[in-house]
Amino acid sequence: MSIEIKQNQPDELYVNQKRLYRDLDGRWIAQEELTPAEAQAFRTHIGKLTAKINVKSQREYWRQQSHHIEP
């Protein structure tokens, strides 16, 4: 069975039409129980998003640092 993940907003996504949202503490909450396969697909998806954000943050940090270098 294939697993479909859709994310239309940064703090809300759907795994096989099951809604998950991020609470004020940054935790993801599922409104319906996910199957083990759905939970694994969700963790993989979030892991990839986190890695992309970390890379962008690091690039932005070093870009900003390069503007502060004094001769």
Protein backbone atom coordinates (compact mmCIF):
# COMPACT_ATOMS: atom_id res chain seq x y z
CA MET A 1 0.00 0.00 0.00
CA SER A 2 1.39 3.41 -0.94
CA ILE A 3 1.47 6.25 1.56
CA GLU A 4 0.60 9.76 0.47
CA ILE A 5 1.82 12.77 2.42
CA LYS A 6 0.49 16.24 1.65
CA GLN A 7 1.63 19.38 3.40
CA ASN A 8 -0.18 22.58 2.54
CA GLN A 9 0.88 24.55 5.61
CA PRO A 10 4.09 24.50 7.66
CA ASP A 11 2.28 23.25 10.79
CA GLU A 12 -0.23 20.87 9.24
CA LEU A 13 0.02 17.83 7.02
CA TYR A 14 -1.95 14.78 6.00
CA VAL A 15 -0.73 11.19 5.89
CA ASN A 16 -3.20 9.15 3.86
CA GLN A 17 -5.82 11.80 4.64
CA LYS A 18 -5.15 11.59 8.39
CA ARG A 19 -4.52 15.10 9.73
CA LEU A 20 -1.45 15.91 11.80
CA TYR A 21 -0.70 19.33 13.22
CA ARG A 22 2.14 20.87 15.20
CA ASP A 23 1.16 22.16 18.63
CA LEU A 24 2.58 25.26 20.34
CA ASP A 25 5.43 23.18 21.79
CA GLY A 26 6.48 21.99 18.32
CA ARG A 27 5.15 18.44 18.76
CA TRP A 28 3.28 16.77 15.93
CA ILE A 29 -0.19 15.52 16.94
CA ALA A 30 -2.17 12.98 14.89
CA GLN A 31 -5.93 13.24 15.09
CA GLU A 32 -6.23 9.58 14.09
CA GLU A 33 -3.85 6.77 14.90
CA LEU A 34 -1.27 6.12 12.19
CA THR A 35 -0.32 2.64 11.08
CA PRO A 36 3.32 1.69 11.69
CA ALA A 37 4.05 2.23 7.98
CA GLU A 38 2.37 5.65 8.02
CA ALA A 39 4.28 6.64 11.15
CA GLN A 40 7.57 5.62 9.55
CA ALA A 41 6.76 7.57 6.36
CA PHE A 42 5.87 10.60 8.50
CA ARG A 43 9.16 10.41 10.43
CA THR A 44 11.10 10.12 7.17
CA HIS A 45 9.25 13.10 5.69
CA ILE A 46 9.85 15.28 8.77
CA GLY A 47 13.49 14.20 8.88
CA LYS A 48 14.03 15.33 5.30
CA LEU A 49 12.29 18.65 5.95
CA THR A 50 14.42 19.23 9.05
CA ALA A 51 17.59 18.48 7.10
CA LYS A 52 16.59 20.97 4.39
CA ILE A 53 15.84 23.64 6.98
CA ASN A 54 19.16 23.01 8.73
CA VAL A 55 21.08 23.32 5.45
CA LYS A 56 19.28 26.57 4.58
CA SER A 57 19.90 27.92 8.08
CA GLN A 58 23.59 27.06 7.90
CA ARG A 59 23.93 28.66 4.47
CA GLU A 60 22.18 31.82 5.69
CA TYR A 61 24.36 31.93 8.80
CA TRP A 62 27.59 31.68 6.79
CA ARG A 63 26.31 34.16 4.22
CA GLN A 64 25.65 36.66 7.00
CA GLN A 65 29.03 35.94 8.59
CA SER A 66 30.83 36.65 5.33
CA HIS A 67 29.43 40.19 5.41
CA HIS A 68 30.90 40.80 8.86
CA ILE A 69 34.52 39.92 8.07
CA GLU A 70 36.84 42.83 8.78
CA PRO A 71 40.13 43.31 6.92
